[in-house]
Protein backbone atom coordinates (compact mmCIF):
# COMPACT_ATOMS: atom_id res chain seq x y z
CA MET A 1 -21.63 51.20 -20.02
CA THR A 2 -21.92 54.86 -19.16
CA THR A 3 -19.67 57.70 -20.22
CA SER A 4 -18.44 58.03 -16.64
CA GLU A 5 -16.76 54.61 -16.70
CA HIS A 6 -13.04 54.32 -17.29
CA PHE A 7 -11.45 51.40 -19.11
CA ILE A 8 -7.88 50.18 -19.42
CA PRO A 9 -7.21 48.65 -22.85
CA GLY A 10 -7.30 44.86 -22.67
CA LYS A 11 -9.40 44.72 -19.49
CA ASP A 12 -12.93 43.36 -19.65
CA ALA A 13 -14.43 45.58 -16.95
CA SER A 14 -14.26 49.26 -16.16
CA LEU A 15 -12.18 50.48 -13.24
CA GLU A 16 -15.38 51.42 -11.44
CA GLN A 17 -16.86 47.92 -11.91
CA SER A 18 -13.61 46.26 -10.82
CA ILE A 19 -13.37 48.40 -7.69
CA ALA A 20 -17.01 47.71 -6.76
CA THR A 21 -16.57 43.96 -7.30
CA LEU A 22 -13.34 43.77 -5.31
CA ARG A 23 -14.69 45.89 -2.44
CA GLY A 24 -17.86 43.79 -2.36
CA ARG A 25 -15.99 40.49 -2.18
CA LEU A 26 -13.64 41.77 0.51
CA SER A 27 -16.59 43.11 2.50
CA GLU A 28 -18.34 39.71 2.24
CA LEU A 29 -15.22 38.20 3.83
CA ASP A 30 -15.44 40.80 6.62
CA PHE A 31 -12.40 42.81 5.58
CA HIS A 32 -12.60 46.54 6.20
CA ILE A 33 -10.24 48.06 3.67
CA GLU A 34 -9.04 51.59 4.23
CA GLU A 35 -6.86 53.78 2.05
CA ARG A 36 -4.00 54.97 4.23
CA SER A 37 -1.76 57.03 2.00
CA TRP A 38 -1.78 58.41 -1.51
CA LEU A 39 1.13 59.59 -3.63
CA ASN A 40 0.94 61.54 -6.87
CA PRO A 41 4.58 62.54 -7.42
CA VAL A 42 4.10 63.56 -11.05
CA GLU A 43 1.19 63.88 -13.41
CA GLY A 44 -0.10 60.48 -14.52
CA VAL A 45 1.56 58.53 -11.69
CA TRP A 46 -0.47 57.47 -8.66
CA SER A 47 0.08 55.03 -5.82
CA VAL A 48 -1.98 54.07 -2.81
CA HIS A 49 -1.35 52.01 0.32
CA VAL A 50 -4.43 50.11 1.53
CA ARG A 51 -4.82 47.92 4.60
CA ASP A 52 -7.41 46.11 6.63
CA HIS A 53 -8.69 48.36 9.41
CA ASP A 54 -8.68 45.49 11.91
CA CYS A 55 -5.22 44.13 11.06
CA ALA A 56 -2.73 46.60 9.59
CA LEU A 57 -0.35 43.74 8.72
CA LEU A 58 -2.76 42.86 5.91
CA PHE A 59 -1.92 45.51 3.32
CA SER A 60 -1.16 46.05 -0.34
CA ASN A 61 -0.02 48.82 -2.63
CA GLY A 62 -1.50 49.87 -5.92
CA LYS A 63 -0.03 51.86 -8.76
CA GLY A 64 -1.61 53.35 -11.83
CA ALA A 65 -1.84 56.22 -14.27
CA SER A 66 -4.91 57.54 -12.45
CA LYS A 67 -6.30 57.49 -8.94
CA LEU A 68 -8.93 54.94 -10.00
CA ALA A 69 -6.33 52.69 -11.62
CA ALA A 70 -4.17 52.78 -8.49
CA ARG A 71 -7.17 51.96 -6.28
CA ALA A 72 -8.18 49.01 -8.50
CA SER A 73 -4.57 47.82 -8.52
CA ALA A 74 -4.32 47.93 -4.71
CA LEU A 75 -7.60 46.08 -4.20
CA GLY A 76 -6.65 43.49 -6.81
CA GLU A 77 -3.31 42.93 -5.12
CA PHE A 78 -5.03 42.57 -1.74
CA VAL A 79 -7.31 39.84 -3.13
CA GLU A 80 -4.32 38.18 -4.82
CA ARG A 81 -2.40 38.13 -1.54
CA LEU A 82 -5.39 36.58 0.23
CA SER A 83 -5.92 33.91 -2.42
CA THR A 84 -2.24 32.93 -2.57
CA HIS A 85 -1.67 33.11 1.21
CA TYR A 86 1.04 35.71 0.55
CA PHE A 87 0.16 37.66 3.69
CA TRP A 88 1.55 34.81 5.76
CA THR A 89 4.61 33.77 3.72
CA HIS A 90 7.12 35.36 6.08
CA PHE A 91 5.63 34.08 9.32
CA TYR A 92 6.06 30.91 11.31
CA LEU A 93 2.54 29.55 11.65
CA GLY A 94 3.14 27.47 14.77
CA GLU A 95 3.71 23.90 15.81
CA SER A 96 0.15 22.68 15.20
CA ILE A 97 0.21 23.80 11.56
CA ALA A 98 3.77 22.52 11.07
CA GLN A 99 2.60 19.05 12.12
CA ARG A 100 -0.58 18.91 10.02
CA ALA A 101 -0.90 16.46 7.15
CA HIS A 102 -0.30 19.44 4.86
CA VAL A 103 0.90 22.98 5.54
CA HIS A 104 0.34 24.61 2.14
CA ALA A 105 -1.69 22.26 -0.06
CA PRO A 106 -2.95 18.67 0.00
CA SER A 107 -0.73 17.88 -3.00
CA GLU A 108 2.48 18.97 -1.28
CA ARG A 109 5.32 16.49 -0.83
CA TRP A 110 7.96 16.51 1.88
CA PHE A 111 11.60 15.66 1.16
CA PRO A 112 13.76 14.65 4.13
CA LEU A 113 17.03 16.48 4.75
CA ASP A 114 20.21 14.42 4.59
CA GLY A 115 23.19 16.75 4.69
CA ASP A 116 23.67 19.72 2.38
CA ALA A 117 22.71 18.01 -0.90
CA TRP A 118 19.26 18.52 -2.36
CA PRO A 119 17.11 15.38 -2.00
CA GLU A 120 16.39 13.22 -5.05
CA GLY A 121 13.03 14.07 -6.62
CA LEU A 122 13.23 17.74 -5.69
CA LEU A 123 13.03 19.52 -9.06
CA ASN A 124 14.53 17.72 -12.06
CA PRO A 125 18.15 17.83 -13.31
CA ASP A 126 17.53 20.76 -15.69
CA LEU A 127 15.76 22.80 -13.02
CA ARG A 128 18.42 21.98 -10.44
CA ALA A 129 21.09 23.22 -12.84
CA PHE A 130 19.10 26.42 -13.34
CA TYR A 131 18.26 27.18 -9.68
CA ASN A 132 21.46 25.89 -8.07
CA PRO A 133 24.17 25.87 -10.77
CA ASP A 134 27.11 26.00 -8.35
CA ASP A 135 25.54 23.88 -5.58
CA ALA A 136 25.79 26.96 -3.35
CA VAL A 137 22.27 26.59 -1.91
CA ARG A 138 22.20 24.02 0.89
CA ALA A 139 19.15 21.82 1.35
CA ALA A 140 18.44 23.26 4.81
CA GLN A 141 18.02 26.70 3.22
CA LEU A 142 14.96 25.36 1.39
CA VAL A 143 12.94 24.62 4.54
CA ASP A 144 9.89 26.89 4.37
CA LEU A 145 9.36 29.56 6.99
CA ASN A 146 5.70 28.76 7.61
CA SER A 147 6.36 25.30 9.00
CA GLY A 148 9.94 25.82 10.13
CA ASN A 149 9.91 22.05 10.43
CA VAL A 150 13.53 21.06 9.77
CA ALA A 151 12.84 17.55 11.07
CA ARG A 152 10.14 17.08 8.42
CA GLY A 153 12.35 18.48 5.65
CA ILE A 154 11.61 20.50 2.54
CA CYS A 155 8.01 21.13 1.54
CA ALA A 156 7.51 21.15 -2.23
CA LEU A 157 4.52 21.69 -4.50
CA PRO A 158 3.90 19.84 -7.77
CA TYR A 159 4.08 21.75 -11.04
CA GLN A 160 3.30 20.07 -14.32
CA ARG A 161 5.28 20.87 -17.46
CA LEU A 162 2.72 21.61 -20.17
CA SER A 163 4.79 20.25 -23.05
CA ASP A 164 4.85 16.65 -21.78
CA GLY A 165 2.88 16.50 -18.53
CA VAL A 166 5.91 15.64 -16.38
CA THR A 167 5.62 16.80 -12.77
CA ALA A 168 8.43 18.57 -10.93
CA TYR A 169 8.34 19.35 -7.21
CA PHE A 170 9.30 22.96 -6.43
CA PRO A 171 10.36 23.91 -2.89
CA VAL A 172 7.83 26.29 -1.32
CA ASN A 173 10.70 28.45 -0.04
CA LEU A 174 12.11 28.81 -3.57
CA ILE A 175 8.72 29.88 -4.92
CA GLY A 176 8.24 32.41 -2.13
CA ASN A 177 11.69 33.92 -2.41
CA LEU A 178 11.82 34.22 -6.19
CA TYR A 179 8.31 34.56 -7.55
CA VAL A 180 5.93 36.07 -5.02
CA SER A 181 5.43 39.81 -5.45
C-alpha cells in the first residue's frame, strides 16, 4: 500500500487497485471502455457515464464522493451488467434463442399459460400473495422479453429458501422488472 492509494471503509482493495483490475478484465474480454461524460454538481458528488467504444448500447453509470470512486463504481456496474446479462434484459433475442433448451439458465423451468391465472408451481402461496395480492397481474404479463415465447409460457428460475431449503420458481420477468438495477 502506498500513500497515493485511496480506500473506502469496508472495501478490501484501494480504488486504484479496483479500477486497474476491472479495466484489465474488461480489456481481456475485448471491451474498450471510454468515459463519455462527467458531472460534479457539488463538492463531494461525482458521476460518470461509461460505455464500450464499439457498442454504445453497452454502458453504465457510476457515482461516488470522488472522481476515483465514481470511476470504480461505473466499471463495477459494467462488469455486473455483463455477468448478470442485464445489458440484454430489454431486448428480444430472436427465434433461435427463444427455442433453445434454455434461454437464461440450464436450471430454468417453463410454465405453460392457461388463461389469466398464474400456473401452479410458479412461486409459492406466500410469495404469490406478496407479488400479486389482488390477482391484478395476468400470467401473460410474466412472459419474459428475451424469449417473447408466449407459446412456451413463463420462464422461471429456481431460488432456494435458506431457512429450509425449499425451492421456489421466480418468473424471469418479475426479477427483471423489480430487482435489476
